[in-house]
C-alpha atoms as a PDB file:
ATOM      1  CA  UNK A   1       0.000   0.000   0.000  1.00  0.00           C
ATOM      2  CA  UNK A   2       2.809   2.413   0.850  1.00  0.00           C
ATOM      3  CA  UNK A   3       4.569   1.452  -2.372  1.00  0.00           C
ATOM      4  CA  UNK A   4       1.449   2.324  -4.358  1.00  0.00           C
ATOM      5  CA  UNK A   5       1.285   5.704  -2.637  1.00  0.00           C
ATOM      6  CA  UNK A   6       4.898   6.492  -3.539  1.00  0.00           C
ATOM      7  CA  UNK A   7       4.408   5.266  -7.101  1.00  0.00           C
ATOM      8  CA  UNK A   8       1.441   7.564  -7.498  1.00  0.00           C
ATOM      9  CA  UNK A   9       3.461  10.479  -6.124  1.00  0.00           C
ATOM     10  CA  UNK A  10       6.266   9.739  -8.587  1.00  0.00           C
ATOM     11  CA  UNK A  11       3.806   9.698 -11.474  1.00  0.00           C
ATOM     12  CA  UNK A  12       2.397  13.062 -10.436  1.00  0.00           C
ATOM     13  CA  UNK A  13       5.888  14.542 -10.080  1.00  0.00           C
ATOM     14  CA  UNK A  14       7.033  13.219 -13.446  1.00  0.00           C
ATOM     15  CA  UNK A  15       3.898  14.555 -15.132  1.00  0.00           C
ATOM     16  CA  UNK A  16       4.524  17.988 -13.627  1.00  0.00           C
ATOM     17  CA  UNK A  17       8.188  17.887 -14.630  1.00  0.00           C
ATOM     18  CA  UNK A  18       7.372  17.156 -18.260  1.00  0.00           C
ATOM     19  CA  UNK A  19       4.787  19.933 -18.497  1.00  0.00           C
ATOM     20  CA  UNK A  20       7.156  22.889 -18.117  1.00  0.00           C
ATOM     21  CA  UNK A  21      10.757  23.865 -17.510  1.00  0.00           C
ATOM     22  CA  UNK A  22      11.158  26.618 -14.936  1.00  0.00           C
ATOM     23  CA  UNK A  23      12.595  27.111 -11.436  1.00  0.00           C
ATOM     24  CA  UNK A  24       9.748  25.199  -9.829  1.00  0.00           C
ATOM     25  CA  UNK A  25      10.380  22.279 -12.169  1.00  0.00           C
ATOM     26  CA  UNK A  26      14.029  22.212 -11.134  1.00  0.00           C
ATOM     27  CA  UNK A  27      12.958  22.008  -7.489  1.00  0.00           C
ATOM     28  CA  UNK A  28      10.652  19.091  -8.289  1.00  0.00           C
ATOM     29  CA  UNK A  29      13.495  17.306 -10.064  1.00  0.00           C
ATOM     30  CA  UNK A  30      15.819  17.750  -7.088  1.00  0.00           C
ATOM     31  CA  UNK A  31      13.128  16.549  -4.687  1.00  0.00           C
ATOM     32  CA  UNK A  32      12.432  13.504  -6.846  1.00  0.00           C
ATOM     33  CA  UNK A  33      16.115  12.585  -7.010  1.00  0.00           C
ATOM     34  CA  UNK A  34      16.444  12.951  -3.239  1.00  0.00           C
ATOM     35  CA  UNK A  35      13.373  10.791  -2.703  1.00  0.00           C
ATOM     36  CA  UNK A  36      14.688   8.114  -5.044  1.00  0.00           C
ATOM     37  CA  UNK A  37      17.902   7.991  -3.010  1.00  0.00           C
ATOM     38  CA  UNK A  38      16.236   8.013   0.414  1.00  0.00           C
ATOM     39  CA  UNK A  39      13.638   5.311  -0.175  1.00  0.00           C
ATOM     40  CA  UNK A  40      16.138   2.513  -0.832  1.00  0.00           C
ATOM     41  CA  UNK A  41      18.493   3.835   1.829  1.00  0.00           C
ATOM     42  CA  UNK A  42      15.817   3.690   4.503  1.00  0.00           C
ATOM     43  CA  UNK A  43      14.607   0.280   3.361  1.00  0.00           C
ATOM     44  CA  UNK A  44      17.966  -1.508   3.278  1.00  0.00           C
ATOM     45  CA  UNK A  45      17.789  -2.552   6.927  1.00  0.00           C
ATOM     46  CA  UNK A  46      14.355  -4.061   6.476  1.00  0.00           C
ATOM     47  CA  UNK A  47      15.492  -5.981   3.399  1.00  0.00           C
ATOM     48  CA  UNK A  48      18.623  -7.300   5.102  1.00  0.00           C
ATOM     49  CA  UNK A  49      16.848  -8.301   8.290  1.00  0.00           C
ATOM     50  CA  UNK A  50      13.471  -9.382   6.943  1.00  0.00           C
ATOM     51  CA  UNK A  51      13.753 -12.603   8.882  1.00  0.00           C
ATOM     52  CA  UNK A  52      16.151 -13.984  11.390  1.00  0.00           C
ATOM     53  CA  UNK A  53      16.647 -16.488  14.145  1.00  0.00           C
ATOM     54  CA  UNK A  54      13.958 -16.528  16.806  1.00  0.00           C
ATOM     55  CA  UNK A  55      15.643 -19.003  19.105  1.00  0.00           C
ATOM     56  CA  UNK A  56      19.144 -20.013  19.931  1.00  0.00           C
ATOM     57  CA  UNK A  57      22.364 -18.158  20.643  1.00  0.00           C
ATOM     58  CA  UNK A  58      22.123 -15.869  17.618  1.00  0.00           C
ATOM     59  CA  UNK A  59      18.625 -14.555  18.350  1.00  0.00           C
ATOM     60  CA  UNK A  60      19.846 -11.923  20.832  1.00  0.00           C
ATOM     61  CA  UNK A  61      22.746 -10.911  18.610  1.00  0.00           C
ATOM     62  CA  UNK A  62      20.374 -10.549  15.677  1.00  0.00           C
ATOM     63  CA  UNK A  63      17.992  -8.419  17.759  1.00  0.00           C
ATOM     64  CA  UNK A  64      20.747  -6.086  18.950  1.00  0.00           C
ATOM     65  CA  UNK A  65      22.266  -5.618  15.496  1.00  0.00           C
ATOM     66  CA  UNK A  66      18.851  -4.960  13.967  1.00  0.00           C
ATOM     67  CA  UNK A  67      17.926  -2.465  16.709  1.00  0.00           C
ATOM     68  CA  UNK A  68      21.244  -0.652  16.293  1.00  0.00           C
ATOM     69  CA  UNK A  69      20.902  -0.371  12.518  1.00  0.00           C
ATOM     70  CA  UNK A  70      17.276   0.741  12.661  1.00  0.00           C
ATOM     71  CA  UNK A  71      18.036   3.392  15.268  1.00  0.00           C
ATOM     72  CA  UNK A  72      20.955   4.852  13.316  1.00  0.00           C
ATOM     73  CA  UNK A  73      19.147   5.261   9.996  1.00  0.00           C
ATOM     74  CA  UNK A  74      18.419   8.922  10.668  1.00  0.00           C
ATOM     75  CA  UNK A  75      22.047   9.631  11.473  1.00  0.00           C
ATOM     76  CA  UNK A  76      23.156   7.856   8.306  1.00  0.00           C
ATOM     77  CA  UNK A  77      20.767   9.890   6.166  1.00  0.00           C
ATOM     78  CA  UNK A  78      21.827  13.145   7.838  1.00  0.00           C
ATOM     79  CA  UNK A  79      25.464  12.529   6.993  1.00  0.00           C
END
């Protein structure tokens, strides 16, 4: 559902970008490029850790690594 929302937003942005070429269009292009970079960057942790051990010695290690990576996403994007 969220993917559909973003796809629709991209379609609207691309339609607006093709309609004219002025300062506002340049801002839309920059925003679209930034969004295309941020979406995969923020989703990498979820793709890498989509599933993991639920029992055993590696379950706690997995939980701590996942929590650390999820909590530092904002810092990574800010840099």
